Amino acid sequence: MEHIAEHVLLAAYRTLEARSDHRERAIERTPAAGLVTGVPGVGKTTLLRRVAEKAQQQLGGFTTEEIRMQGQRVGFRIVPLHGRSRVMAHVDFRSHARVGRYGVDVDAIDAVAETALALDPGVGVYVVDEIGKMECFSQRFVAAMRRLLDSDKPVVASIARKGTGFIAEVKRRHDVELWEVTVRNRDALADLILKWIAERATSAAG
């Protein structure tokens, strides 16, 4: 009898192990984050705004927009999908954190990251524009993004085409999918991403 019981337990264990392996493979087939990249000016921000407008899920996150004066770009604003926007970089800012001619207001990024990227059970998908050099000056942004990427929440984010540190770390993750945006594919890519979000949300709910 003991031999039979051990055999039954072993069979049950193998069944559970097989189911666990199947679930792990299913998760690997459905990455937790989709990353949008491409050359500057190709339309990554416009693409993510279009996705945010058409998505059926409750959204969290933020986008960015240029600040222009007399036709010249002078800075960038960080715009939460819910909440007050802030100027995160400007040619007039004196800051130790700089990207090109722009001084970066790390406190502004900190403030938005703490609220817009906070894990919220009511949020279905997070849209983040972008994981870039400016944002990565904020350790609170980096920490918030790590929490999101390690969670079961779907994330769609634009990411700098080049970069070290956290930018490279995110691209190396096994659970992300990278989409290259071009002038030719950016319209069709919006529909692809919306389909990906819907499939990921269904998978997470199941």
C-alpha atoms as a PDB file:
ATOM      1  CA  MET A   1       0.000   0.000   0.000  1.00  0.00           C
ATOM      2  CA  GLU A   2       2.809   2.393   0.831  1.00  0.00           C
ATOM      3  CA  HIS A   3       4.368   1.717  -2.577  1.00  0.00           C
ATOM      4  CA  ILE A   4       1.055   2.517  -4.304  1.00  0.00           C
ATOM      5  CA  ALA A   5       0.639   5.698  -2.249  1.00  0.00           C
ATOM      6  CA  GLU A   6       4.149   6.853  -3.152  1.00  0.00           C
ATOM      7  CA  HIS A   7       3.425   6.129  -6.817  1.00  0.00           C
ATOM      8  CA  VAL A   8       0.208   8.168  -6.690  1.00  0.00           C
ATOM      9  CA  LEU A   9       1.933  11.079  -4.956  1.00  0.00           C
ATOM     10  CA  LEU A  10       4.773  11.011  -7.493  1.00  0.00           C
ATOM     11  CA  ALA A  11       2.296  11.042 -10.372  1.00  0.00           C
ATOM     12  CA  ALA A  12       0.403  13.947  -8.807  1.00  0.00           C
ATOM     13  CA  TYR A  13       3.658  15.869  -8.289  1.00  0.00           C
ATOM     14  CA  ARG A  14       4.667  15.362 -11.906  1.00  0.00           C
ATOM     15  CA  THR A  15       1.245  16.561 -13.067  1.00  0.00           C
ATOM     16  CA  LEU A  16       1.529  19.736 -10.979  1.00  0.00           C
ATOM     17  CA  GLU A  17       5.081  20.278 -12.209  1.00  0.00           C
ATOM     18  CA  ALA A  18       3.937  19.901 -15.834  1.00  0.00           C
ATOM     19  CA  ARG A  19       1.111  22.386 -15.248  1.00  0.00           C
ATOM     20  CA  SER A  20       3.565  24.825 -13.661  1.00  0.00           C
ATOM     21  CA  ASP A  21       5.924  24.487 -16.630  1.00  0.00           C
ATOM     22  CA  HIS A  22       3.000  25.070 -18.980  1.00  0.00           C
ATOM     23  CA  ARG A  23       2.006  28.233 -17.103  1.00  0.00           C
ATOM     24  CA  GLU A  24       5.592  29.498 -17.174  1.00  0.00           C
ATOM     25  CA  ARG A  25       5.809  28.894 -20.920  1.00  0.00           C
ATOM     26  CA  ALA A  26       2.493  30.699 -21.397  1.00  0.00           C
ATOM     27  CA  ILE A  27       3.809  33.686 -19.467  1.00  0.00           C
ATOM     28  CA  GLU A  28       6.975  33.687 -21.563  1.00  0.00           C
ATOM     29  CA  ARG A  29       4.856  33.714 -24.739  1.00  0.00           C
ATOM     30  CA  THR A  30       2.953  36.777 -23.466  1.00  0.00           C
ATOM     31  CA  PRO A  31       5.504  39.401 -22.397  1.00  0.00           C
ATOM     32  CA  ALA A  32       4.491  41.682 -19.543  1.00  0.00           C
ATOM     33  CA  ALA A  33       5.768  44.806 -21.291  1.00  0.00           C
ATOM     34  CA  GLY A  34       5.805  46.078 -24.841  1.00  0.00           C
ATOM     35  CA  LEU A  35       8.560  48.544 -25.677  1.00  0.00           C
ATOM     36  CA  VAL A  36       8.313  51.036 -28.518  1.00  0.00           C
ATOM     37  CA  THR A  37      11.571  52.373 -29.910  1.00  0.00           C
ATOM     38  CA  GLY A  38      12.777  54.218 -32.994  1.00  0.00           C
ATOM     39  CA  VAL A  39      14.790  57.178 -34.188  1.00  0.00           C
ATOM     40  CA  PRO A  40      13.998  60.597 -32.624  1.00  0.00           C
ATOM     41  CA  GLY A  41      11.051  62.280 -34.284  1.00  0.00           C
ATOM     42  CA  VAL A  42       9.602  59.118 -35.838  1.00  0.00           C
ATOM     43  CA  GLY A  43       6.375  59.436 -33.841  1.00  0.00           C
ATOM     44  CA  LYS A  44       6.708  57.310 -30.699  1.00  0.00           C
ATOM     45  CA  THR A  45       4.835  59.797 -28.520  1.00  0.00           C
ATOM     46  CA  THR A  46       2.063  60.248 -31.096  1.00  0.00           C
ATOM     47  CA  LEU A  47       1.743  56.474 -31.322  1.00  0.00           C
ATOM     48  CA  LEU A  48       1.376  56.028 -27.565  1.00  0.00           C
ATOM     49  CA  ARG A  49      -1.154  58.852 -27.346  1.00  0.00           C
ATOM     50  CA  ARG A  50      -3.219  57.141 -30.023  1.00  0.00           C
ATOM     51  CA  VAL A  51      -3.020  53.881 -28.086  1.00  0.00           C
ATOM     52  CA  ALA A  52      -4.081  55.669 -24.887  1.00  0.00           C
ATOM     53  CA  GLU A  53      -7.055  57.259 -26.643  1.00  0.00           C
ATOM     54  CA  LYS A  54      -8.320  53.952 -28.059  1.00  0.00           C
ATOM     55  CA  ALA A  55      -7.508  51.549 -25.227  1.00  0.00           C
ATOM     56  CA  GLN A  56     -10.564  50.077 -23.503  1.00  0.00           C
ATOM     57  CA  GLN A  57      -8.794  49.506 -20.173  1.00  0.00           C
ATOM     58  CA  GLN A  58      -8.366  51.936 -17.286  1.00  0.00           C
ATOM     59  CA  LEU A  59      -4.993  53.591 -17.830  1.00  0.00           C
ATOM     60  CA  GLY A  60      -2.144  54.775 -15.644  1.00  0.00           C
ATOM     61  CA  GLY A  61       1.131  56.407 -16.579  1.00  0.00           C
ATOM     62  CA  PHE A  62       2.219  59.535 -18.409  1.00  0.00           C
ATOM     63  CA  THR A  63       3.220  60.990 -21.750  1.00  0.00           C
ATOM     64  CA  THR A  64       5.571  63.837 -22.630  1.00  0.00           C
ATOM     65  CA  GLU A  65       5.200  66.841 -24.868  1.00  0.00           C
ATOM     66  CA  GLU A  66       7.504  69.463 -26.320  1.00  0.00           C
ATOM     67  CA  ILE A  67       7.508  73.054 -25.130  1.00  0.00           C
ATOM     68  CA  ARG A  68       8.004  75.466 -28.016  1.00  0.00           C
ATOM     69  CA  MET A  69       8.572  79.202 -28.206  1.00  0.00           C
ATOM     70  CA  GLN A  70       8.560  81.011 -31.540  1.00  0.00           C
ATOM     71  CA  GLY A  71       8.815  77.686 -33.321  1.00  0.00           C
ATOM     72  CA  GLN A  72      11.855  76.536 -31.355  1.00  0.00           C
ATOM     73  CA  ARG A  73      11.854  73.636 -28.899  1.00  0.00           C
ATOM     74  CA  VAL A  74      12.918  74.900 -25.488  1.00  0.00           C
ATOM     75  CA  GLY A  75      11.883  72.091 -23.180  1.00  0.00           C
ATOM     76  CA  PHE A  76       9.701  69.126 -22.318  1.00  0.00           C
ATOM     77  CA  ARG A  77       6.635  68.699 -20.161  1.00  0.00           C
ATOM     78  CA  ILE A  78       5.714  65.450 -18.368  1.00  0.00           C
ATOM     79  CA  VAL A  79       1.952  64.883 -18.534  1.00  0.00           C
ATOM     80  CA  PRO A  80       0.280  62.298 -16.254  1.00  0.00           C
ATOM     81  CA  LEU A  81      -2.788  60.622 -17.723  1.00  0.00           C
ATOM     82  CA  HIS A  82      -4.474  61.719 -14.493  1.00  0.00           C
ATOM     83  CA  GLY A  83      -3.138  64.731 -12.640  1.00  0.00           C
ATOM     84  CA  ARG A  84      -1.131  67.909 -13.069  1.00  0.00           C
ATOM     85  CA  SER A  85       1.582  68.212 -15.694  1.00  0.00           C
ATOM     86  CA  ARG A  86       5.037  69.574 -14.883  1.00  0.00           C
ATOM     87  CA  VAL A  87       7.955  70.994 -16.827  1.00  0.00           C
ATOM     88  CA  MET A  88      10.666  68.360 -16.536  1.00  0.00           C
ATOM     89  CA  ALA A  89      13.366  69.919 -18.728  1.00  0.00           C
ATOM     90  CA  HIS A  90      14.108  73.359 -20.108  1.00  0.00           C
ATOM     91  CA  VAL A  91      16.963  75.266 -21.691  1.00  0.00           C
ATOM     92  CA  ASP A  92      16.720  77.821 -18.869  1.00  0.00           C
ATOM     93  CA  PHE A  93      16.979  75.287 -16.039  1.00  0.00           C
ATOM     94  CA  ARG A  94      20.274  75.246 -14.171  1.00  0.00           C
ATOM     95  CA  SER A  95      20.681  71.678 -13.044  1.00  0.00           C
ATOM     96  CA  HIS A  96      23.431  69.132 -12.502  1.00  0.00           C
ATOM     97  CA  ALA A  97      21.220  66.737 -14.485  1.00  0.00           C
ATOM     98  CA  ARG A  98      21.523  67.654 -18.146  1.00  0.00           C
ATOM     99  CA  VAL A  99      20.735  66.116 -21.524  1.00  0.00           C
ATOM    100  CA  GLY A 100      22.217  68.183 -24.301  1.00  0.00           C
ATOM    101  CA  ARG A 101      21.226  71.821 -23.774  1.00  0.00           C
ATOM    102  CA  TYR A 102      18.368  70.959 -21.431  1.00  0.00           C
ATOM    103  CA  GLY A 103      18.537  71.123 -17.657  1.00  0.00           C
ATOM    104  CA  VAL A 104      16.396  68.410 -16.059  1.00  0.00           C
ATOM    105  CA  ASP A 105      14.116  68.996 -13.054  1.00  0.00           C
ATOM    106  CA  VAL A 106      14.484  65.648 -11.285  1.00  0.00           C
ATOM    107  CA  ASP A 107      11.994  66.656  -8.576  1.00  0.00           C
ATOM    108  CA  ALA A 108       9.281  67.093 -11.218  1.00  0.00           C
ATOM    109  CA  ILE A 109       9.902  63.581 -12.546  1.00  0.00           C
ATOM    110  CA  ASP A 110       9.969  62.212  -8.977  1.00  0.00           C
ATOM    111  CA  ALA A 111       6.581  63.732  -8.222  1.00  0.00           C
ATOM    112  CA  VAL A 112       4.893  62.342 -11.327  1.00  0.00           C
ATOM    113  CA  ALA A 113       6.525  58.912 -11.001  1.00  0.00           C
ATOM    114  CA  GLU A 114       5.270  58.487  -7.416  1.00  0.00           C
ATOM    115  CA  THR A 115       1.640  59.002  -8.429  1.00  0.00           C
ATOM    116  CA  ALA A 116       1.300  58.106 -12.120  1.00  0.00           C
ATOM    117  CA  LEU A 117       3.342  54.896 -11.826  1.00  0.00           C
ATOM    118  CA  ALA A 118       2.017  53.719  -8.462  1.00  0.00           C
ATOM    119  CA  LEU A 119       0.624  50.177  -8.562  1.00  0.00           C
ATOM    120  CA  ASP A 120      -3.141  50.497  -8.602  1.00  0.00           C
ATOM    121  CA  PRO A 121      -5.525  47.500  -8.719  1.00  0.00           C
ATOM    122  CA  GLY A 122      -7.965  49.619 -10.721  1.00  0.00           C
ATOM    123  CA  VAL A 123      -5.488  50.264 -13.544  1.00  0.00           C
ATOM    124  CA  GLY A 124      -5.625  47.809 -16.430  1.00  0.00           C
ATOM    125  CA  VAL A 125      -2.536  48.939 -18.338  1.00  0.00           C
ATOM    126  CA  TYR A 126       0.232  51.495 -17.860  1.00  0.00           C
ATOM    127  CA  VAL A 127       1.385  53.745 -20.717  1.00  0.00           C
ATOM    128  CA  VAL A 128       4.816  55.333 -20.198  1.00  0.00           C
ATOM    129  CA  ASP A 129       6.445  57.835 -22.543  1.00  0.00           C
ATOM    130  CA  GLU A 130       9.279  57.382 -22.083  1.00  0.00           C
ATOM    131  CA  ILE A 131      12.074  55.357 -20.514  1.00  0.00           C
ATOM    132  CA  GLY A 132      14.714  57.863 -21.560  1.00  0.00           C
ATOM    133  CA  LYS A 133      17.825  59.596 -20.336  1.00  0.00           C
ATOM    134  CA  MET A 134      15.932  62.461 -18.703  1.00  0.00           C
ATOM    135  CA  GLU A 135      13.518  60.221 -16.811  1.00  0.00           C
ATOM    136  CA  CYS A 136      16.314  57.930 -15.644  1.00  0.00           C
ATOM    137  CA  PHE A 137      17.919  60.753 -13.660  1.00  0.00           C
ATOM    138  CA  SER A 138      15.054  60.092 -11.229  1.00  0.00           C
ATOM    139  CA  GLN A 139      15.747  57.116  -8.986  1.00  0.00           C
ATOM    140  CA  ARG A 140      12.076  57.156  -7.987  1.00  0.00           C
ATOM    141  CA  PHE A 141      11.112  56.746 -11.633  1.00  0.00           C
ATOM    142  CA  VAL A 142      13.539  53.835 -12.005  1.00  0.00           C
ATOM    143  CA  ALA A 143      12.232  52.170  -8.833  1.00  0.00           C
ATOM    144  CA  ALA A 144       8.598  52.666  -9.878  1.00  0.00           C
ATOM    145  CA  MET A 145       9.267  51.206 -13.326  1.00  0.00           C
ATOM    146  CA  ARG A 146      10.998  48.168 -11.821  1.00  0.00           C
ATOM    147  CA  ARG A 147       7.946  47.566  -9.620  1.00  0.00           C
ATOM    148  CA  LEU A 148       5.631  47.814 -12.617  1.00  0.00           C
ATOM    149  CA  LEU A 149       7.751  45.518 -14.784  1.00  0.00           C
ATOM    150  CA  ASP A 150       7.964  42.958 -11.980  1.00  0.00           C
ATOM    151  CA  SER A 151       4.203  43.056 -11.443  1.00  0.00           C
ATOM    152  CA  ASP A 152       1.462  41.369 -13.462  1.00  0.00           C
ATOM    153  CA  LYS A 153       0.326  44.706 -14.914  1.00  0.00           C
ATOM    154  CA  PRO A 154       0.671  45.144 -18.702  1.00  0.00           C
ATOM    155  CA  VAL A 155       3.000  48.035 -19.574  1.00  0.00           C
ATOM    156  CA  VAL A 156       3.453  49.772 -22.917  1.00  0.00           C
ATOM    157  CA  ALA A 157       6.397  52.154 -22.917  1.00  0.00           C
ATOM    158  CA  SER A 158       8.533  54.031 -25.370  1.00  0.00           C
ATOM    159  CA  ILE A 159      12.239  53.584 -24.762  1.00  0.00           C
ATOM    160  CA  ALA A 160      15.340  55.348 -26.022  1.00  0.00           C
ATOM    161  CA  ARG A 161      16.935  53.590 -28.957  1.00  0.00           C
ATOM    162  CA  LYS A 162      20.350  53.956 -27.342  1.00  0.00           C
ATOM    163  CA  GLY A 163      21.340  54.089 -23.725  1.00  0.00           C
ATOM    164  CA  THR A 164      23.091  52.351 -20.859  1.00  0.00           C
ATOM    165  CA  GLY A 165      22.074  51.790 -17.239  1.00  0.00           C
ATOM    166  CA  PHE A 166      18.359  51.294 -16.697  1.00  0.00           C
ATOM    167  CA  ILE A 167      17.551  51.656 -20.417  1.00  0.00           C
ATOM    168  CA  ALA A 168      19.816  48.718 -21.264  1.00  0.00           C
ATOM    169  CA  GLU A 169      18.543  46.780 -18.234  1.00  0.00           C
ATOM    170  CA  VAL A 170      14.942  46.984 -19.408  1.00  0.00           C
ATOM    171  CA  LYS A 171      15.825  45.859 -22.931  1.00  0.00           C
ATOM    172  CA  ARG A 172      17.679  42.836 -21.543  1.00  0.00           C
ATOM    173  CA  ARG A 173      14.640  41.540 -19.651  1.00  0.00           C
ATOM    174  CA  HIS A 174      13.262  38.226 -20.891  1.00  0.00           C
ATOM    175  CA  ASP A 175       9.663  39.356 -20.390  1.00  0.00           C
ATOM    176  CA  VAL A 176       9.566  42.336 -22.775  1.00  0.00           C
ATOM    177  CA  GLU A 177       8.739  42.644 -26.442  1.00  0.00           C
ATOM    178  CA  LEU A 178      10.438  45.328 -28.562  1.00  0.00           C
ATOM    179  CA  TRP A 179       8.682  47.082 -31.446  1.00  0.00           C
ATOM    180  CA  GLU A 180      10.622  49.295 -33.859  1.00  0.00           C
ATOM    181  CA  VAL A 181       8.574  52.276 -35.048  1.00  0.00           C
ATOM    182  CA  THR A 182       9.060  53.551 -38.592  1.00  0.00           C
ATOM    183  CA  VAL A 183       7.206  56.075 -40.725  1.00  0.00           C
ATOM    184  CA  ARG A 184       5.736  53.190 -42.705  1.00  0.00           C
ATOM    185  CA  ASN A 185       4.502  51.010 -39.849  1.00  0.00           C
ATOM    186  CA  ARG A 186       3.483  53.483 -37.125  1.00  0.00           C
ATOM    187  CA  ASP A 187      -0.216  53.581 -38.080  1.00  0.00           C
ATOM    188  CA  ALA A 188      -0.553  49.797 -38.238  1.00  0.00           C
ATOM    189  CA  LEU A 189       1.521  49.431 -35.072  1.00  0.00           C
ATOM    190  CA  ALA A 190      -1.138  51.211 -33.020  1.00  0.00           C
ATOM    191  CA  ASP A 191      -3.662  48.474 -33.846  1.00  0.00           C
ATOM    192  CA  LEU A 192      -1.079  45.769 -33.127  1.00  0.00           C
ATOM    193  CA  ILE A 193      -0.348  47.255 -29.703  1.00  0.00           C
ATOM    194  CA  LEU A 194      -4.054  47.584 -28.870  1.00  0.00           C
ATOM    195  CA  LYS A 195      -4.521  43.912 -29.743  1.00  0.00           C
ATOM    196  CA  TRP A 196      -1.483  43.016 -27.616  1.00  0.00           C
ATOM    197  CA  ILE A 197      -2.937  44.954 -24.671  1.00  0.00           C
ATOM    198  CA  ALA A 198      -6.285  43.191 -24.975  1.00  0.00           C
ATOM    199  CA  GLU A 199      -4.627  39.762 -25.116  1.00  0.00           C
ATOM    200  CA  ARG A 200      -2.344  40.567 -22.198  1.00  0.00           C
ATOM    201  CA  ALA A 201      -5.234  41.896 -20.095  1.00  0.00           C
ATOM    202  CA  THR A 202      -7.215  38.711 -20.801  1.00  0.00           C
ATOM    203  CA  SER A 203      -4.211  36.561 -19.882  1.00  0.00           C
ATOM    204  CA  ALA A 204      -3.661  38.472 -16.625  1.00  0.00           C
ATOM    205  CA  ALA A 205      -7.356  38.161 -15.705  1.00  0.00           C
ATOM    206  CA  GLY A 206      -7.266  34.399 -16.353  1.00  0.00           C
END
